[in-house]
Amino acid sequence: MHGIAGDLPTKLTQKEMRSPMTGGLTSLLIGNLYLIIDATANNI
């Protein structure tokens, strides 16, 4: 689970770097959600 959660934000970030004006805030929010999920998984 940690591998999947750690992999998605990277893909989103690479996608946003190609088109920074499209859905930038959305990808930031999704990235933050996955960071929180990773932190929670690590604490468990």
N, C-alpha and C. Protein backbone atom coordinates (compact mmCIF):
# COMPACT_ATOMS: atom_id res chain seq x y z
N MET A 1 0.84 -1.21 0.00
CA MET A 1 0.00 0.00 0.00
C MET A 1 0.88 1.25 0.00
N HIS A 2 1.97 1.19 0.75
CA HIS A 2 2.85 2.36 0.81
C HIS A 2 3.46 2.65 -0.56
N GLY A 3 3.78 1.59 -1.32
CA GLY A 3 4.36 1.79 -2.64
C GLY A 3 3.38 2.47 -3.58
N ILE A 4 2.10 2.05 -3.54
CA ILE A 4 1.09 2.64 -4.41
C ILE A 4 0.85 4.10 -4.01
N ALA A 5 0.69 4.35 -2.73
CA ALA A 5 0.43 5.71 -2.25
C ALA A 5 1.62 6.62 -2.52
N GLY A 6 2.83 6.07 -2.50
CA GLY A 6 4.01 6.88 -2.76
C GLY A 6 4.22 7.13 -4.25
N ASP A 7 3.62 6.27 -5.09
CA ASP A 7 3.87 6.36 -6.53
C ASP A 7 2.94 7.36 -7.21
N LEU A 8 1.69 7.44 -6.75
CA LEU A 8 0.71 8.29 -7.42
C LEU A 8 1.06 9.77 -7.40
N PRO A 9 1.46 10.35 -6.25
CA PRO A 9 1.79 11.78 -6.26
C PRO A 9 2.93 12.11 -7.23
N THR A 10 3.86 11.17 -7.41
CA THR A 10 4.97 11.41 -8.34
C THR A 10 4.45 11.54 -9.75
N LYS A 11 3.53 10.64 -10.14
CA LYS A 11 2.96 10.71 -11.48
C LYS A 11 2.16 11.99 -11.66
N LEU A 12 1.39 12.38 -10.66
CA LEU A 12 0.61 13.61 -10.74
C LEU A 12 1.53 14.82 -10.86
N THR A 13 2.62 14.82 -10.10
CA THR A 13 3.55 15.94 -10.15
C THR A 13 4.18 16.06 -11.53
N GLN A 14 4.60 14.93 -12.10
CA GLN A 14 5.19 14.96 -13.44
C GLN A 14 4.17 15.45 -14.46
N LYS A 15 2.93 15.04 -14.31
CA LYS A 15 1.87 15.46 -15.24
C LYS A 15 1.64 16.97 -15.12
N GLU A 16 1.63 17.49 -13.88
CA GLU A 16 1.39 18.91 -13.67
C GLU A 16 2.56 19.75 -14.16
N MET A 17 3.77 19.21 -14.12
CA MET A 17 4.92 19.97 -14.61
C MET A 17 4.82 20.17 -16.12
N ARG A 18 4.16 19.25 -16.82
CA ARG A 18 3.98 19.41 -18.26
C ARG A 18 2.90 20.44 -18.55
N SER A 19 1.84 20.46 -17.73
CA SER A 19 0.76 21.43 -17.94
C SER A 19 0.38 22.07 -16.60
N PRO A 20 1.18 23.04 -16.12
CA PRO A 20 1.00 23.58 -14.77
C PRO A 20 -0.30 24.37 -14.59
N MET A 21 -0.90 24.85 -15.68
CA MET A 21 -2.10 25.67 -15.54
C MET A 21 -3.36 24.81 -15.41
N THR A 22 -3.26 23.51 -15.69
CA THR A 22 -4.45 22.65 -15.69
C THR A 22 -4.54 21.84 -14.41
N GLY A 23 -5.50 22.18 -13.55
CA GLY A 23 -5.74 21.39 -12.35
C GLY A 23 -4.59 21.39 -11.38
N GLY A 24 -3.84 22.49 -11.30
CA GLY A 24 -2.69 22.53 -10.38
C GLY A 24 -3.11 22.36 -8.94
N LEU A 25 -4.16 23.08 -8.54
CA LEU A 25 -4.62 22.99 -7.15
C LEU A 25 -5.15 21.60 -6.85
N THR A 26 -5.85 21.01 -7.82
CA THR A 26 -6.40 19.66 -7.60
C THR A 26 -5.27 18.67 -7.34
N SER A 27 -4.22 18.73 -8.14
CA SER A 27 -3.13 17.78 -7.97
C SER A 27 -2.40 18.04 -6.65
N LEU A 28 -2.31 19.31 -6.24
CA LEU A 28 -1.68 19.61 -4.95
C LEU A 28 -2.50 19.00 -3.81
N LEU A 29 -3.82 19.14 -3.89
CA LEU A 29 -4.68 18.58 -2.85
C LEU A 29 -4.57 17.06 -2.82
N ILE A 30 -4.57 16.43 -3.99
CA ILE A 30 -4.45 14.97 -4.06
C ILE A 30 -3.09 14.55 -3.51
N GLY A 31 -2.05 15.29 -3.88
CA GLY A 31 -0.72 14.97 -3.37
C GLY A 31 -0.66 15.06 -1.85
N ASN A 32 -1.30 16.10 -1.29
CA ASN A 32 -1.33 16.26 0.17
C ASN A 32 -2.09 15.12 0.82
N LEU A 33 -3.19 14.68 0.18
CA LEU A 33 -3.96 13.55 0.73
C LEU A 33 -3.08 12.31 0.80
N TYR A 34 -2.31 12.05 -0.26
CA TYR A 34 -1.47 10.86 -0.25
C TYR A 34 -0.32 11.00 0.75
N LEU A 35 0.17 12.22 0.94
CA LEU A 35 1.20 12.41 1.98
C LEU A 35 0.63 12.08 3.36
N ILE A 36 -0.61 12.50 3.60
CA ILE A 36 -1.25 12.22 4.89
C ILE A 36 -1.46 10.71 5.03
N ILE A 37 -1.90 10.05 3.94
CA ILE A 37 -2.10 8.60 3.98
C ILE A 37 -0.78 7.90 4.28
N ASP A 38 0.30 8.34 3.61
CA ASP A 38 1.61 7.73 3.86
C ASP A 38 2.03 7.92 5.31
N ALA A 39 1.84 9.14 5.85
CA ALA A 39 2.24 9.42 7.22
C ALA A 39 1.43 8.55 8.19
N THR A 40 0.14 8.41 7.92
CA THR A 40 -0.71 7.58 8.78
C THR A 40 -0.27 6.12 8.72
N ALA A 41 0.01 5.63 7.53
CA ALA A 41 0.44 4.24 7.37
C ALA A 41 1.76 4.01 8.10
N ASN A 42 2.66 4.99 8.03
CA ASN A 42 3.95 4.84 8.72
C ASN A 42 3.78 4.85 10.23
N ASN A 43 2.82 5.65 10.74
CA ASN A 43 2.59 5.70 12.18
C ASN A 43 1.96 4.41 12.69
N ILE A 44 1.15 3.78 11.86
CA ILE A 44 0.56 2.50 12.26
C ILE A 44 1.66 1.43 12.20
